[in-house]
């Protein structure tokens, strides 16, 4: 039995700095996902907040609308979008799965802890994770 393997043209290709910086440098007023065509909300009510214990990476989301934002330790917004929120007992989960990204988060209000993972698939793959062992001490940047 012979298996043909086709080498992907994308493997080993270096993307220009501009493509990579789209996800790390955020220009004021730039929104992504479904929100790209709509004006940004004037007031966002985030009731869920996860801050990574080591890096300070922050994920905030609304358990009602599913709107979320990910920001770095300085408060610069890296990623925004709208996902689906499910509530079961003390746990709220957020999921936003598209061809360009995968965002998953879980917040346990009873245990005061949570975690999240964000995968940006296009144009350049990037993965970010958040582990928050104590959500009581979070100071989130509310924008």
N, C-alpha and C. Protein backbone atom coordinates (compact mmCIF):
# COMPACT_ATOMS: atom_id res chain seq x y z
N UNK A 1 0.84 -1.17 0.00
CA UNK A 1 0.00 0.00 0.00
C UNK A 1 0.88 1.23 0.00
N UNK A 2 0.63 2.16 -0.91
CA UNK A 2 1.41 3.38 -1.02
C UNK A 2 0.54 4.58 -0.65
N UNK A 3 1.08 5.42 0.20
CA UNK A 3 0.36 6.62 0.62
C UNK A 3 1.07 7.83 0.04
N UNK A 4 0.32 8.65 -0.66
CA UNK A 4 0.88 9.88 -1.22
C UNK A 4 0.70 11.01 -0.21
N UNK A 5 1.78 11.69 0.06
CA UNK A 5 1.73 12.81 0.99
C UNK A 5 2.07 14.06 0.21
N UNK A 6 1.19 15.02 0.25
CA UNK A 6 1.40 16.29 -0.44
C UNK A 6 1.85 17.32 0.57
N UNK A 7 2.97 17.93 0.31
CA UNK A 7 3.52 18.95 1.22
C UNK A 7 2.74 20.25 1.05
N UNK A 8 2.32 20.78 2.17
CA UNK A 8 1.58 22.03 2.15
C UNK A 8 2.50 23.19 1.77
N UNK A 9 1.98 24.09 0.96
CA UNK A 9 2.74 25.26 0.54
C UNK A 9 2.93 26.26 1.68
N UNK A 10 2.07 26.17 2.70
CA UNK A 10 2.14 27.11 3.82
C UNK A 10 3.21 26.75 4.83
N UNK A 11 3.65 25.52 4.85
CA UNK A 11 4.62 25.08 5.86
C UNK A 11 5.93 25.84 5.68
N UNK A 12 6.41 26.42 6.74
CA UNK A 12 7.69 27.12 6.71
C UNK A 12 7.64 28.50 6.11
N UNK A 13 6.50 28.94 5.68
CA UNK A 13 6.38 30.25 5.07
C UNK A 13 6.35 31.33 6.16
N UNK A 14 7.12 32.35 5.97
CA UNK A 14 7.19 33.43 6.93
C UNK A 14 6.19 34.51 6.51
N UNK A 15 5.31 34.86 7.42
CA UNK A 15 4.32 35.90 7.13
C UNK A 15 4.91 37.27 7.44
N UNK A 16 4.49 38.26 6.68
CA UNK A 16 4.99 39.60 6.97
C UNK A 16 4.56 40.07 8.35
N UNK A 17 5.35 40.96 8.93
CA UNK A 17 5.08 41.47 10.27
C UNK A 17 3.71 42.12 10.37
N UNK A 18 3.25 42.72 9.30
CA UNK A 18 1.94 43.38 9.32
C UNK A 18 0.84 42.37 9.61
N UNK A 19 0.89 41.18 8.99
CA UNK A 19 -0.13 40.16 9.21
C UNK A 19 -0.11 39.68 10.65
N UNK A 20 1.07 39.51 11.22
CA UNK A 20 1.16 39.05 12.59
C UNK A 20 0.71 40.11 13.58
N UNK A 21 0.98 41.36 13.26
CA UNK A 21 0.65 42.42 14.20
C UNK A 21 -0.84 42.73 14.26
N UNK A 22 -1.62 42.22 13.33
CA UNK A 22 -3.06 42.47 13.36
C UNK A 22 -3.69 42.00 14.65
N UNK A 23 -3.14 40.95 15.25
CA UNK A 23 -3.72 40.40 16.46
C UNK A 23 -3.04 40.88 17.72
N UNK A 24 -1.96 41.59 17.60
CA UNK A 24 -1.24 42.01 18.80
C UNK A 24 -1.22 43.53 18.98
N UNK A 25 -1.41 44.27 17.91
CA UNK A 25 -1.49 45.71 18.00
C UNK A 25 -2.90 46.09 17.59
N UNK A 26 -3.62 46.70 18.47
CA UNK A 26 -5.01 47.01 18.20
C UNK A 26 -5.17 48.51 18.03
N UNK A 27 -5.75 48.89 16.93
CA UNK A 27 -6.01 50.29 16.65
C UNK A 27 -7.39 50.62 17.21
N UNK A 28 -7.51 51.75 17.83
CA UNK A 28 -8.78 52.15 18.43
C UNK A 28 -9.89 52.12 17.39
N UNK A 29 -11.00 51.50 17.74
CA UNK A 29 -12.15 51.43 16.85
C UNK A 29 -12.17 50.21 15.96
N UNK A 30 -11.19 49.37 16.01
CA UNK A 30 -11.17 48.16 15.18
C UNK A 30 -11.87 47.05 15.92
N UNK A 31 -12.85 46.45 15.28
CA UNK A 31 -13.61 45.35 15.87
C UNK A 31 -13.53 44.17 14.93
N UNK A 32 -13.61 42.95 15.47
CA UNK A 32 -13.47 41.78 14.63
C UNK A 32 -14.70 40.89 14.74
N UNK A 33 -14.69 39.82 13.97
CA UNK A 33 -15.79 38.86 14.00
C UNK A 33 -17.06 39.46 13.43
N UNK A 34 -18.22 39.04 13.96
CA UNK A 34 -19.51 39.53 13.47
C UNK A 34 -19.66 41.03 13.69
N UNK A 35 -18.92 41.58 14.64
CA UNK A 35 -19.06 42.98 15.01
C UNK A 35 -18.34 43.93 14.05
N UNK A 36 -17.66 43.38 13.03
CA UNK A 36 -16.86 44.22 12.14
C UNK A 36 -17.71 45.22 11.37
N UNK A 37 -18.94 44.87 11.02
CA UNK A 37 -19.77 45.77 10.23
C UNK A 37 -20.62 46.69 11.11
N UNK A 38 -20.79 46.34 12.35
CA UNK A 38 -21.61 47.15 13.25
C UNK A 38 -20.72 48.10 14.03
N UNK A 39 -21.30 49.18 14.47
CA UNK A 39 -20.57 50.11 15.32
C UNK A 39 -20.34 49.45 16.67
N UNK A 40 -19.21 49.72 17.31
CA UNK A 40 -18.97 49.12 18.62
C UNK A 40 -20.02 49.56 19.62
N UNK A 41 -20.38 48.69 20.54
CA UNK A 41 -21.38 49.07 21.54
C UNK A 41 -20.90 50.27 22.35
N UNK A 42 -21.82 51.12 22.75
CA UNK A 42 -21.44 52.31 23.49
C UNK A 42 -21.09 51.96 24.93
N UNK A 43 -21.77 51.00 25.51
CA UNK A 43 -21.47 50.58 26.87
C UNK A 43 -21.57 49.06 26.94
N UNK A 44 -20.51 48.44 27.40
CA UNK A 44 -20.48 46.98 27.47
C UNK A 44 -20.52 46.59 28.94
N UNK A 45 -21.43 45.71 29.27
CA UNK A 45 -21.54 45.22 30.64
C UNK A 45 -20.93 43.83 30.71
N UNK A 46 -19.69 43.74 31.16
CA UNK A 46 -19.04 42.45 31.36
C UNK A 46 -19.30 41.99 32.79
N UNK A 47 -19.85 40.80 32.93
CA UNK A 47 -20.06 40.28 34.28
C UNK A 47 -19.15 39.09 34.57
N UNK A 48 -18.34 38.70 33.59
CA UNK A 48 -17.40 37.59 33.76
C UNK A 48 -16.00 38.05 33.40
N UNK A 49 -15.04 37.71 34.23
CA UNK A 49 -13.68 38.17 34.01
C UNK A 49 -12.69 37.09 34.44
N UNK A 50 -11.75 36.79 33.55
CA UNK A 50 -10.66 35.86 33.84
C UNK A 50 -9.34 36.59 33.58
N UNK A 51 -8.42 36.51 34.53
CA UNK A 51 -7.10 37.11 34.38
C UNK A 51 -6.07 36.01 34.62
N UNK A 52 -5.17 35.82 33.64
CA UNK A 52 -4.15 34.78 33.77
C UNK A 52 -3.24 35.08 34.95
N UNK A 53 -2.97 34.05 35.75
CA UNK A 53 -2.16 34.21 36.96
C UNK A 53 -0.74 34.67 36.68
N UNK A 54 -0.18 34.30 35.53
CA UNK A 54 1.21 34.67 35.27
C UNK A 54 1.39 35.80 34.27
N UNK A 55 0.62 35.83 33.19
CA UNK A 55 0.87 36.83 32.14
C UNK A 55 0.01 38.08 32.25
N UNK A 56 -1.11 38.01 32.96
CA UNK A 56 -2.01 39.15 33.04
C UNK A 56 -2.97 39.26 31.87
N UNK A 57 -2.92 38.31 30.94
CA UNK A 57 -3.86 38.27 29.83
C UNK A 57 -5.28 38.17 30.38
N UNK A 58 -6.21 38.97 29.86
CA UNK A 58 -7.54 39.08 30.41
C UNK A 58 -8.61 38.74 29.38
N UNK A 59 -9.59 37.96 29.80
CA UNK A 59 -10.79 37.70 28.99
C UNK A 59 -11.98 38.16 29.79
N UNK A 60 -12.77 39.05 29.21
CA UNK A 60 -14.02 39.50 29.82
C UNK A 60 -15.15 39.15 28.88
N UNK A 61 -16.28 38.72 29.43
CA UNK A 61 -17.43 38.46 28.57
C UNK A 61 -18.73 38.70 29.32
N UNK A 62 -19.76 38.93 28.53
CA UNK A 62 -21.10 39.12 29.06
C UNK A 62 -21.81 37.78 29.02
N UNK A 63 -22.31 37.33 30.15
CA UNK A 63 -23.02 36.06 30.18
C UNK A 63 -24.41 36.18 29.55
N UNK A 64 -24.84 37.39 29.25
CA UNK A 64 -26.14 37.60 28.61
C UNK A 64 -26.01 37.67 27.10
N UNK A 65 -25.11 38.51 26.60
CA UNK A 65 -24.97 38.71 25.15
C UNK A 65 -23.94 37.80 24.50
N UNK A 66 -22.96 37.32 25.27
CA UNK A 66 -21.89 36.51 24.71
C UNK A 66 -20.76 37.33 24.13
N UNK A 67 -20.88 38.67 24.16
CA UNK A 67 -19.82 39.52 23.64
C UNK A 67 -18.59 39.39 24.55
N UNK A 68 -17.40 39.27 23.96
CA UNK A 68 -16.18 39.10 24.74
C UNK A 68 -15.07 39.96 24.18
N UNK A 69 -14.08 40.19 25.03
CA UNK A 69 -12.85 40.84 24.58
C UNK A 69 -11.67 40.24 25.35
N UNK A 70 -10.57 40.12 24.65
CA UNK A 70 -9.32 39.64 25.23
C UNK A 70 -8.35 40.81 25.18
N UNK A 71 -7.70 41.09 26.30
CA UNK A 71 -6.75 42.19 26.35
C UNK A 71 -5.47 41.76 27.05
N UNK A 72 -4.39 42.48 26.74
CA UNK A 72 -3.11 42.17 27.37
C UNK A 72 -3.04 42.83 28.74
N UNK A 73 -1.89 42.71 29.40
CA UNK A 73 -1.76 43.22 30.77
C UNK A 73 -1.84 44.74 30.85
N UNK A 74 -1.65 45.44 29.72
CA UNK A 74 -1.76 46.90 29.70
C UNK A 74 -3.17 47.39 29.40
N UNK A 75 -4.07 46.46 29.07
CA UNK A 75 -5.44 46.84 28.74
C UNK A 75 -5.70 47.01 27.27
N UNK A 76 -4.67 46.78 26.42
CA UNK A 76 -4.86 46.87 24.98
C UNK A 76 -5.69 45.69 24.49
N UNK A 77 -6.75 45.96 23.75
CA UNK A 77 -7.64 44.90 23.28
C UNK A 77 -6.98 44.16 22.13
N UNK A 78 -6.91 42.84 22.25
CA UNK A 78 -6.28 41.99 21.24
C UNK A 78 -7.34 41.35 20.34
N UNK A 79 -8.45 40.95 20.93
CA UNK A 79 -9.45 40.17 20.19
C UNK A 79 -10.83 40.46 20.75
N UNK A 80 -11.83 40.57 19.86
CA UNK A 80 -13.21 40.72 20.29
C UNK A 80 -14.09 39.82 19.45
N UNK A 81 -15.28 39.54 19.94
CA UNK A 81 -16.23 38.74 19.19
C UNK A 81 -17.46 38.45 20.02
N UNK A 82 -18.35 37.64 19.46
CA UNK A 82 -19.56 37.25 20.16
C UNK A 82 -19.70 35.75 20.08
N UNK A 83 -19.78 35.12 21.24
CA UNK A 83 -19.91 33.67 21.30
C UNK A 83 -21.22 33.27 21.94
N UNK A 84 -21.33 31.99 22.24
CA UNK A 84 -22.52 31.43 22.87
C UNK A 84 -22.18 31.10 24.32
N UNK A 85 -23.04 31.55 25.23
CA UNK A 85 -22.82 31.31 26.66
C UNK A 85 -23.84 30.29 27.15
N UNK A 86 -23.35 29.33 27.91
CA UNK A 86 -24.22 28.34 28.54
C UNK A 86 -23.96 28.38 30.05
N UNK A 87 -25.04 28.20 30.81
CA UNK A 87 -24.92 28.22 32.27
C UNK A 87 -25.42 26.88 32.79
N UNK A 88 -24.61 26.28 33.66
CA UNK A 88 -25.00 25.02 34.31
C UNK A 88 -24.49 25.08 35.74
N UNK A 89 -25.41 25.17 36.68
CA UNK A 89 -25.01 25.31 38.08
C UNK A 89 -24.25 26.59 38.27
N UNK A 90 -23.06 26.48 38.84
CA UNK A 90 -22.21 27.65 39.09
C UNK A 90 -21.32 28.00 37.91
N UNK A 91 -21.32 27.18 36.86
CA UNK A 91 -20.37 27.34 35.77
C UNK A 91 -21.00 28.01 34.56
N UNK A 92 -20.29 29.02 34.05
CA UNK A 92 -20.66 29.69 32.81
C UNK A 92 -19.58 29.36 31.79
N UNK A 93 -20.00 28.91 30.61
CA UNK A 93 -19.04 28.61 29.55
C UNK A 93 -19.32 29.49 28.35
N UNK A 94 -18.25 29.91 27.71
CA UNK A 94 -18.32 30.72 26.49
C UNK A 94 -17.66 29.92 25.38
N UNK A 95 -18.29 29.88 24.22
CA UNK A 95 -17.69 29.20 23.05
C UNK A 95 -17.93 30.05 21.81
N UNK A 96 -16.88 30.27 21.06
CA UNK A 96 -16.97 30.95 19.77
C UNK A 96 -16.05 30.20 18.81
N UNK A 97 -16.66 29.39 17.96
CA UNK A 97 -15.91 28.52 17.07
C UNK A 97 -16.22 28.90 15.62
N UNK A 98 -15.21 29.38 14.91
CA UNK A 98 -15.35 29.73 13.50
C UNK A 98 -14.16 29.15 12.75
N UNK A 99 -14.11 29.38 11.45
CA UNK A 99 -12.97 28.90 10.67
C UNK A 99 -11.71 29.69 10.97
N UNK A 100 -11.85 30.90 11.51
CA UNK A 100 -10.70 31.75 11.79
C UNK A 100 -10.23 31.71 13.23
N UNK A 101 -11.09 31.25 14.15
CA UNK A 101 -10.71 31.24 15.56
C UNK A 101 -11.51 30.23 16.36
N UNK A 102 -10.95 29.86 17.50
CA UNK A 102 -11.63 29.03 18.49
C UNK A 102 -11.41 29.65 19.86
N UNK A 103 -12.48 30.08 20.47
CA UNK A 103 -12.41 30.68 21.80
C UNK A 103 -13.29 29.86 22.72
N UNK A 104 -12.73 29.39 23.82
CA UNK A 104 -13.48 28.63 24.82
C UNK A 104 -13.08 29.15 26.20
N UNK A 105 -14.08 29.30 27.06
CA UNK A 105 -13.81 29.76 28.42
C UNK A 105 -14.79 29.11 29.37
N UNK A 106 -14.35 28.88 30.59
CA UNK A 106 -15.21 28.35 31.65
C UNK A 106 -14.91 29.11 32.92
N UNK A 107 -15.97 29.57 33.58
CA UNK A 107 -15.85 30.31 34.82
C UNK A 107 -16.75 29.65 35.85
N UNK A 108 -16.14 29.19 36.95
CA UNK A 108 -16.88 28.56 38.03
C UNK A 108 -17.00 29.58 39.17
N UNK A 109 -18.21 30.14 39.32
CA UNK A 109 -18.43 31.17 40.35
C UNK A 109 -18.38 30.62 41.76
N UNK A 110 -18.72 29.34 41.95
CA UNK A 110 -18.70 28.75 43.29
C UNK A 110 -17.27 28.50 43.78
N UNK A 111 -16.41 28.05 42.88
CA UNK A 111 -15.02 27.77 43.24
C UNK A 111 -14.11 28.97 43.01
N UNK A 112 -14.63 30.04 42.42
CA UNK A 112 -13.86 31.26 42.11
C UNK A 112 -12.60 30.95 41.31
N UNK A 113 -12.78 30.24 40.21
CA UNK A 113 -11.67 29.96 39.29
C UNK A 113 -12.20 29.74 37.89
N UNK A 114 -11.30 29.79 36.93
CA UNK A 114 -11.71 29.57 35.55
C UNK A 114 -10.50 29.43 34.64
N UNK A 115 -10.78 29.12 33.39
CA UNK A 115 -9.73 29.00 32.39
C UNK A 115 -10.29 29.33 31.02
N UNK A 116 -9.40 29.60 30.09
CA UNK A 116 -9.81 29.93 28.73
C UNK A 116 -8.68 29.58 27.78
N UNK A 117 -9.06 29.29 26.55
CA UNK A 117 -8.08 29.09 25.49
C UNK A 117 -8.59 29.79 24.24
N UNK A 118 -7.69 30.47 23.56
CA UNK A 118 -8.01 31.18 22.34
C UNK A 118 -7.03 30.73 21.26
N UNK A 119 -7.56 30.26 20.15
CA UNK A 119 -6.74 29.88 19.01
C UNK A 119 -7.12 30.77 17.85
N UNK A 120 -6.17 31.51 17.35
CA UNK A 120 -6.37 32.29 16.14
C UNK A 120 -5.78 31.45 15.01
N UNK A 121 -6.58 31.12 14.03
CA UNK A 121 -6.15 30.22 12.98
C UNK A 121 -5.70 30.95 11.72
N UNK A 122 -6.32 32.10 11.42
CA UNK A 122 -6.00 32.84 10.20
C UNK A 122 -5.70 34.28 10.55
N UNK A 123 -4.77 34.95 9.95
CA UNK A 123 -3.87 34.52 8.90
C UNK A 123 -2.67 33.75 9.40
N UNK A 124 -2.28 33.96 10.66
CA UNK A 124 -1.13 33.25 11.22
C UNK A 124 -1.58 32.56 12.51
N UNK A 125 -1.33 31.27 12.65
CA UNK A 125 -1.77 30.56 13.86
C UNK A 125 -1.13 31.12 15.13
N UNK A 126 -1.95 31.25 16.16
CA UNK A 126 -1.50 31.77 17.45
C UNK A 126 -2.40 31.17 18.52
N UNK A 127 -1.82 30.77 19.65
CA UNK A 127 -2.60 30.21 20.75
C UNK A 127 -2.30 30.98 22.02
N UNK A 128 -3.37 31.29 22.78
CA UNK A 128 -3.24 31.95 24.06
C UNK A 128 -4.07 31.18 25.08
N UNK A 129 -3.59 31.09 26.30
CA UNK A 129 -4.35 30.42 27.35
C UNK A 129 -4.41 31.29 28.59
N UNK A 130 -5.46 31.09 29.35
CA UNK A 130 -5.63 31.80 30.61
C UNK A 130 -5.96 30.76 31.68
N UNK A 131 -5.23 30.81 32.78
CA UNK A 131 -5.53 30.00 33.95
C UNK A 131 -5.68 30.96 35.13
N UNK A 132 -6.87 31.00 35.67
CA UNK A 132 -7.16 31.92 36.77
C UNK A 132 -7.61 31.08 37.97
N UNK A 133 -6.73 30.96 38.96
CA UNK A 133 -7.01 30.11 40.13
C UNK A 133 -7.80 30.83 41.22
N UNK A 134 -7.91 32.18 41.10
CA UNK A 134 -8.67 32.95 42.09
C UNK A 134 -9.28 34.16 41.40
N UNK A 135 -10.54 34.05 41.01
CA UNK A 135 -11.21 35.15 40.30
C UNK A 135 -11.61 36.28 41.23
N UNK A 136 -11.54 36.08 42.54
CA UNK A 136 -11.89 37.15 43.49
C UNK A 136 -10.91 38.32 43.45
N UNK A 137 -9.66 38.06 43.07
CA UNK A 137 -8.66 39.12 43.09
C UNK A 137 -8.50 39.83 41.73
N UNK A 138 -9.40 39.57 40.79
CA UNK A 138 -9.29 40.16 39.45
C UNK A 138 -9.65 41.64 39.43
N UNK A 139 -8.82 42.40 38.72
CA UNK A 139 -9.11 43.80 38.44
C UNK A 139 -9.13 43.93 36.93
N UNK A 140 -10.31 43.92 36.34
CA UNK A 140 -10.43 43.93 34.89
C UNK A 140 -10.53 45.35 34.36
N UNK A 141 -10.09 45.51 33.12
CA UNK A 141 -10.21 46.77 32.43
C UNK A 141 -11.57 46.81 31.76
N UNK A 142 -12.49 47.57 32.31
CA UNK A 142 -13.81 47.68 31.72
C UNK A 142 -13.77 48.82 30.72
N UNK A 143 -14.03 48.51 29.46
CA UNK A 143 -13.99 49.53 28.39
C UNK A 143 -15.38 49.83 27.94
